[in-house]
Amino acid sequence: MKNVTRSFAVILAINVIIVSGCAKEDVVKKDEPMAQQQTLQQQTAQQQLSAAPKSEPAKPTDQLQNSTAKASAAVSLQTVYFDFDRSDLRQDSRDMLTKNAQALMKDLVDTKIKIEGHCDERGSDEYNLALGDRRAKAVATYLITLGVKQDRISTVSFGKEKPAIQGSDETAWSKNRRAEFVIVK
């Protein structure tokens, strides 16, 4: 009887480990370059817009939302780049983040952002996820010291899963070691 109980406990423990170790991950098509994926997304969006019926005149609340969206589109937050295997901010990155912070406090006052940390293809998945996280958090911390409210900022790491440029040379790697901004609200 003890052997049956132990066997059942072992099987249950293995199942718990397997289930808890399976994390949900964004799907990245590795066969297509990012530029092709973006072009397909843009074409799909244009087709949806052209197929949509003409709408009624905008209501005042719609106009306010549209003006906020236009302000968000007019002000773009610039990507910052990192040196190899580093998460500390270079001087050019600090300068760019100062401009981004000014835009967030002046033009995008009610906007929330997500900072995405990215790495080049070198290193293990686990290492690059941790490095991307450190990069995103370094950017967030610097923005907070410049006066951007902490509750407006979230961070995420994609490690090496979403390269900006495909390639295995320093030109591609230098563009992939980055932190990008996504306007959430």
C-alpha atoms as a PDB file:
ATOM      1  CA  MET A   1       0.000   0.000   0.000  1.00  0.00           C
ATOM      2  CA  LYS A   2       2.891   2.351   0.816  1.00  0.00           C
ATOM      3  CA  ASN A   3       4.420   1.721  -2.613  1.00  0.00           C
ATOM      4  CA  VAL A   4       1.165   2.637  -4.351  1.00  0.00           C
ATOM      5  CA  THR A   5       0.900   5.847  -2.324  1.00  0.00           C
ATOM      6  CA  ARG A   6       4.529   6.757  -3.057  1.00  0.00           C
ATOM      7  CA  SER A   7       4.095   6.022  -6.760  1.00  0.00           C
ATOM      8  CA  PHE A   8       0.984   8.177  -6.875  1.00  0.00           C
ATOM      9  CA  ALA A   9       2.802  11.015  -5.042  1.00  0.00           C
ATOM     10  CA  VAL A  10       5.746  10.822  -7.454  1.00  0.00           C
ATOM     11  CA  ILE A  11       3.476  10.877 -10.515  1.00  0.00           C
ATOM     12  CA  LEU A  12       1.516  13.799  -9.077  1.00  0.00           C
ATOM     13  CA  ALA A  13       4.725  15.728  -8.336  1.00  0.00           C
ATOM     14  CA  ILE A  14       6.036  15.165 -11.873  1.00  0.00           C
ATOM     15  CA  ASN A  15       2.753  16.385 -13.368  1.00  0.00           C
ATOM     16  CA  VAL A  16       2.836  19.522 -11.191  1.00  0.00           C
ATOM     17  CA  ILE A  17       6.405  20.255 -12.285  1.00  0.00           C
ATOM     18  CA  ILE A  18       5.581  19.770 -15.956  1.00  0.00           C
ATOM     19  CA  VAL A  19       2.445  21.913 -15.831  1.00  0.00           C
ATOM     20  CA  SER A  20       4.064  24.730 -13.833  1.00  0.00           C
ATOM     21  CA  GLY A  21       7.119  24.771 -16.087  1.00  0.00           C
ATOM     22  CA  CYS A  22       5.086  25.423 -19.227  1.00  0.00           C
ATOM     23  CA  ALA A  23       4.826  29.191 -19.610  1.00  0.00           C
ATOM     24  CA  LYS A  24       2.679  30.894 -22.160  1.00  0.00           C
ATOM     25  CA  GLU A  25       4.865  32.777 -24.639  1.00  0.00           C
ATOM     26  CA  ASP A  26       4.195  35.245 -27.429  1.00  0.00           C
ATOM     27  CA  VAL A  27       4.388  33.534 -30.786  1.00  0.00           C
ATOM     28  CA  VAL A  28       7.252  34.770 -32.910  1.00  0.00           C
ATOM     29  CA  LYS A  29       7.510  33.555 -36.456  1.00  0.00           C
ATOM     30  CA  LYS A  30      11.184  32.878 -36.895  1.00  0.00           C
ATOM     31  CA  ASP A  31      10.905  31.944 -40.565  1.00  0.00           C
ATOM     32  CA  GLU A  32       9.815  35.405 -41.694  1.00  0.00           C
ATOM     33  CA  PRO A  33      11.854  38.559 -41.186  1.00  0.00           C
ATOM     34  CA  MET A  34      10.171  41.160 -38.960  1.00  0.00           C
ATOM     35  CA  ALA A  35       9.827  43.588 -41.885  1.00  0.00           C
ATOM     36  CA  GLN A  36       7.691  41.064 -43.802  1.00  0.00           C
ATOM     37  CA  GLN A  37       5.524  40.435 -40.732  1.00  0.00           C
ATOM     38  CA  GLN A  38       5.008  44.180 -40.246  1.00  0.00           C
ATOM     39  CA  THR A  39       4.165  44.666 -43.933  1.00  0.00           C
ATOM     40  CA  LEU A  40       1.555  41.896 -43.736  1.00  0.00           C
ATOM     41  CA  GLN A  41       0.093  43.458 -40.587  1.00  0.00           C
ATOM     42  CA  GLN A  42      -0.079  46.879 -42.263  1.00  0.00           C
ATOM     43  CA  GLN A  43      -1.765  45.435 -45.355  1.00  0.00           C
ATOM     44  CA  THR A  44      -4.324  43.625 -43.213  1.00  0.00           C
ATOM     45  CA  ALA A  45      -5.058  46.814 -41.256  1.00  0.00           C
ATOM     46  CA  GLN A  46      -5.483  48.814 -44.491  1.00  0.00           C
ATOM     47  CA  GLN A  47      -7.856  46.191 -45.894  1.00  0.00           C
ATOM     48  CA  GLN A  48      -9.923  46.292 -42.719  1.00  0.00           C
ATOM     49  CA  LEU A  49     -10.086  50.085 -42.837  1.00  0.00           C
ATOM     50  CA  SER A  50     -11.136  50.172 -46.487  1.00  0.00           C
ATOM     51  CA  ALA A  51     -13.791  47.494 -45.896  1.00  0.00           C
ATOM     52  CA  ALA A  52     -15.252  49.275 -42.868  1.00  0.00           C
ATOM     53  CA  PRO A  53     -18.501  51.169 -43.434  1.00  0.00           C
ATOM     54  CA  LYS A  54     -18.481  54.955 -43.252  1.00  0.00           C
ATOM     55  CA  SER A  55     -19.191  56.067 -39.699  1.00  0.00           C
ATOM     56  CA  GLU A  56     -21.375  58.774 -38.251  1.00  0.00           C
ATOM     57  CA  PRO A  57     -19.911  62.164 -37.344  1.00  0.00           C
ATOM     58  CA  ALA A  58     -17.719  61.982 -34.280  1.00  0.00           C
ATOM     59  CA  LYS A  59     -19.228  62.680 -30.888  1.00  0.00           C
ATOM     60  CA  PRO A  60     -17.409  65.011 -28.475  1.00  0.00           C
ATOM     61  CA  THR A  61     -16.019  62.087 -26.451  1.00  0.00           C
ATOM     62  CA  ASP A  62     -14.835  60.440 -29.687  1.00  0.00           C
ATOM     63  CA  GLN A  63     -13.138  63.676 -30.697  1.00  0.00           C
ATOM     64  CA  LEU A  64     -11.302  63.789 -27.362  1.00  0.00           C
ATOM     65  CA  GLN A  65     -10.112  60.197 -27.773  1.00  0.00           C
ATOM     66  CA  ASN A  66      -9.068  60.897 -31.371  1.00  0.00           C
ATOM     67  CA  SER A  67      -7.101  63.981 -30.337  1.00  0.00           C
ATOM     68  CA  THR A  68      -5.333  61.947 -27.640  1.00  0.00           C
ATOM     69  CA  ALA A  69      -4.522  59.247 -30.201  1.00  0.00           C
ATOM     70  CA  LYS A  70      -3.248  61.882 -32.647  1.00  0.00           C
ATOM     71  CA  ALA A  71      -1.073  63.440 -29.929  1.00  0.00           C
ATOM     72  CA  SER A  72       0.311  59.988 -29.104  1.00  0.00           C
ATOM     73  CA  ALA A  73       1.018  59.333 -32.772  1.00  0.00           C
ATOM     74  CA  ALA A  74       2.629  62.749 -33.265  1.00  0.00           C
ATOM     75  CA  VAL A  75       4.982  62.247 -30.329  1.00  0.00           C
ATOM     76  CA  SER A  76       7.123  59.182 -30.753  1.00  0.00           C
ATOM     77  CA  LEU A  77       9.234  57.838 -27.939  1.00  0.00           C
ATOM     78  CA  GLN A  78      12.692  57.007 -29.179  1.00  0.00           C
ATOM     79  CA  THR A  79      14.365  53.623 -28.747  1.00  0.00           C
ATOM     80  CA  VAL A  80      17.503  53.476 -26.623  1.00  0.00           C
ATOM     81  CA  TYR A  81      20.424  51.154 -27.315  1.00  0.00           C
ATOM     82  CA  PHE A  82      22.881  49.270 -25.106  1.00  0.00           C
ATOM     83  CA  ASP A  83      26.427  47.998 -25.332  1.00  0.00           C
ATOM     84  CA  PHE A  84      27.138  44.266 -25.541  1.00  0.00           C
ATOM     85  CA  ASP A  85      26.235  42.377 -22.353  1.00  0.00           C
ATOM     86  CA  ARG A  86      25.393  45.637 -20.528  1.00  0.00           C
ATOM     87  CA  SER A  87      22.289  47.081 -18.964  1.00  0.00           C
ATOM     88  CA  ASP A  88      23.732  50.405 -17.832  1.00  0.00           C
ATOM     89  CA  LEU A  89      22.676  53.497 -19.760  1.00  0.00           C
ATOM     90  CA  ARG A  90      25.114  55.173 -22.135  1.00  0.00           C
ATOM     91  CA  GLN A  91      25.211  58.973 -22.308  1.00  0.00           C
ATOM     92  CA  ASP A  92      23.387  59.043 -25.660  1.00  0.00           C
ATOM     93  CA  SER A  93      20.674  56.861 -24.120  1.00  0.00           C
ATOM     94  CA  ARG A  94      20.332  59.225 -21.149  1.00  0.00           C
ATOM     95  CA  ASP A  95      19.957  62.155 -23.529  1.00  0.00           C
ATOM     96  CA  MET A  96      17.265  60.304 -25.485  1.00  0.00           C
ATOM     97  CA  LEU A  97      15.468  59.324 -22.272  1.00  0.00           C
ATOM     98  CA  THR A  98      15.474  62.958 -21.134  1.00  0.00           C
ATOM     99  CA  LYS A  99      13.620  63.872 -24.344  1.00  0.00           C
ATOM    100  CA  ASN A 100      11.263  60.925 -23.888  1.00  0.00           C
ATOM    101  CA  ALA A 101      10.541  61.968 -20.274  1.00  0.00           C
ATOM    102  CA  GLN A 102       9.777  65.532 -21.393  1.00  0.00           C
ATOM    103  CA  ALA A 103       7.345  64.197 -23.995  1.00  0.00           C
ATOM    104  CA  LEU A 104       5.701  61.948 -21.409  1.00  0.00           C
ATOM    105  CA  MET A 105       5.256  64.802 -18.945  1.00  0.00           C
ATOM    106  CA  LYS A 106       4.217  67.453 -21.478  1.00  0.00           C
ATOM    107  CA  ASP A 107       2.509  65.881 -24.509  1.00  0.00           C
ATOM    108  CA  LEU A 108       1.531  62.430 -23.239  1.00  0.00           C
ATOM    109  CA  VAL A 109       0.432  63.333 -19.721  1.00  0.00           C
ATOM    110  CA  ASP A 110      -2.171  60.583 -19.230  1.00  0.00           C
ATOM    111  CA  THR A 111      -0.368  57.958 -21.274  1.00  0.00           C
ATOM    112  CA  LYS A 112       0.877  54.689 -19.835  1.00  0.00           C
ATOM    113  CA  ILE A 113       3.857  53.002 -21.453  1.00  0.00           C
ATOM    114  CA  LYS A 114       5.390  49.560 -21.580  1.00  0.00           C
ATOM    115  CA  ILE A 115       9.169  49.349 -21.898  1.00  0.00           C
ATOM    116  CA  GLU A 116      10.319  46.278 -23.799  1.00  0.00           C
ATOM    117  CA  GLY A 117      13.852  45.019 -23.153  1.00  0.00           C
ATOM    118  CA  HIS A 118      15.577  43.242 -26.057  1.00  0.00           C
ATOM    119  CA  CYS A 119      18.927  41.514 -26.635  1.00  0.00           C
ATOM    120  CA  ASP A 120      20.969  40.272 -29.550  1.00  0.00           C
ATOM    121  CA  GLU A 121      21.060  36.592 -30.441  1.00  0.00           C
ATOM    122  CA  ARG A 122      24.179  35.715 -28.468  1.00  0.00           C
ATOM    123  CA  GLY A 123      23.697  33.948 -25.145  1.00  0.00           C
ATOM    124  CA  SER A 124      21.127  31.528 -23.778  1.00  0.00           C
ATOM    125  CA  ASP A 125      17.398  32.229 -23.718  1.00  0.00           C
ATOM    126  CA  GLU A 126      17.391  32.495 -19.925  1.00  0.00           C
ATOM    127  CA  TYR A 127      20.372  34.841 -19.804  1.00  0.00           C
ATOM    128  CA  ASN A 128      18.925  37.119 -22.481  1.00  0.00           C
ATOM    129  CA  LEU A 129      15.519  37.263 -20.788  1.00  0.00           C
ATOM    130  CA  ALA A 130      17.220  38.377 -17.569  1.00  0.00           C
ATOM    131  CA  LEU A 131      19.408  40.900 -19.433  1.00  0.00           C
ATOM    132  CA  GLY A 132      16.395  42.292 -21.317  1.00  0.00           C
ATOM    133  CA  ASP A 133      14.594  42.658 -17.989  1.00  0.00           C
ATOM    134  CA  ARG A 134      17.546  44.559 -16.475  1.00  0.00           C
ATOM    135  CA  ARG A 135      17.625  46.853 -19.522  1.00  0.00           C
ATOM    136  CA  ALA A 136      13.902  47.616 -19.349  1.00  0.00           C
ATOM    137  CA  LYS A 137      14.109  48.265 -15.603  1.00  0.00           C
ATOM    138  CA  ALA A 138      17.164  50.515 -16.012  1.00  0.00           C
ATOM    139  CA  VAL A 139      15.205  52.644 -18.494  1.00  0.00           C
ATOM    140  CA  ALA A 140      12.145  52.714 -16.206  1.00  0.00           C
ATOM    141  CA  THR A 141      14.231  53.712 -13.204  1.00  0.00           C
ATOM    142  CA  TYR A 142      15.877  56.544 -15.125  1.00  0.00           C
ATOM    143  CA  LEU A 143      12.507  57.855 -16.364  1.00  0.00           C
ATOM    144  CA  ILE A 144      11.214  57.796 -12.779  1.00  0.00           C
ATOM    145  CA  THR A 145      14.213  59.833 -11.601  1.00  0.00           C
ATOM    146  CA  LEU A 146      13.357  62.356 -14.337  1.00  0.00           C
ATOM    147  CA  GLY A 147       9.835  62.756 -12.935  1.00  0.00           C
ATOM    148  CA  VAL A 148       7.663  60.255 -14.804  1.00  0.00           C
ATOM    149  CA  LYS A 149       5.233  58.604 -12.391  1.00  0.00           C
ATOM    150  CA  GLN A 150       6.038  54.971 -11.638  1.00  0.00           C
ATOM    151  CA  ASP A 151       2.422  53.842 -12.045  1.00  0.00           C
ATOM    152  CA  ARG A 152       2.538  54.890 -15.717  1.00  0.00           C
ATOM    153  CA  ILE A 153       5.389  52.501 -16.520  1.00  0.00           C
ATOM    154  CA  SER A 154       5.488  48.734 -16.947  1.00  0.00           C
ATOM    155  CA  THR A 155       8.337  46.582 -18.210  1.00  0.00           C
ATOM    156  CA  VAL A 156       8.688  43.326 -20.104  1.00  0.00           C
ATOM    157  CA  SER A 157      11.635  41.390 -21.485  1.00  0.00           C
ATOM    158  CA  PHE A 158      11.625  39.614 -24.818  1.00  0.00           C
ATOM    159  CA  GLY A 159      15.287  38.580 -24.635  1.00  0.00           C
ATOM    160  CA  LYS A 160      16.403  37.640 -28.132  1.00  0.00           C
ATOM    161  CA  GLU A 161      12.944  36.600 -29.390  1.00  0.00           C
ATOM    162  CA  LYS A 162      12.051  39.789 -31.310  1.00  0.00           C
ATOM    163  CA  PRO A 163      15.083  41.094 -33.176  1.00  0.00           C
ATOM    164  CA  ALA A 164      14.751  44.469 -34.876  1.00  0.00           C
ATOM    165  CA  ILE A 165      17.144  43.320 -37.600  1.00  0.00           C
ATOM    166  CA  GLN A 166      17.899  39.791 -38.748  1.00  0.00           C
ATOM    167  CA  GLY A 167      21.583  38.999 -38.977  1.00  0.00           C
ATOM    168  CA  SER A 168      24.617  37.662 -37.196  1.00  0.00           C
ATOM    169  CA  ASP A 169      26.998  40.594 -37.367  1.00  0.00           C
ATOM    170  CA  GLU A 170      27.747  43.627 -35.209  1.00  0.00           C
ATOM    171  CA  THR A 171      25.460  45.879 -37.265  1.00  0.00           C
ATOM    172  CA  ALA A 172      22.432  43.700 -36.558  1.00  0.00           C
ATOM    173  CA  TRP A 173      23.455  42.962 -32.979  1.00  0.00           C
ATOM    174  CA  SER A 174      23.870  46.655 -32.109  1.00  0.00           C
ATOM    175  CA  LYS A 175      20.302  47.402 -33.302  1.00  0.00           C
ATOM    176  CA  ASN A 176      18.875  44.436 -31.391  1.00  0.00           C
ATOM    177  CA  ARG A 177      20.347  45.460 -28.004  1.00  0.00           C
ATOM    178  CA  ARG A 178      17.624  47.938 -27.167  1.00  0.00           C
ATOM    179  CA  ALA A 179      14.699  49.114 -25.072  1.00  0.00           C
ATOM    180  CA  GLU A 180      11.575  50.127 -26.987  1.00  0.00           C
ATOM    181  CA  PHE A 181       8.491  52.015 -25.876  1.00  0.00           C
ATOM    182  CA  VAL A 182       4.933  50.901 -26.473  1.00  0.00           C
ATOM    183  CA  ILE A 183       2.083  53.266 -25.644  1.00  0.00           C
ATOM    184  CA  VAL A 184      -0.446  51.257 -23.666  1.00  0.00           C
ATOM    185  CA  LYS A 185      -3.078  53.898 -22.960  1.00  0.00           C
END
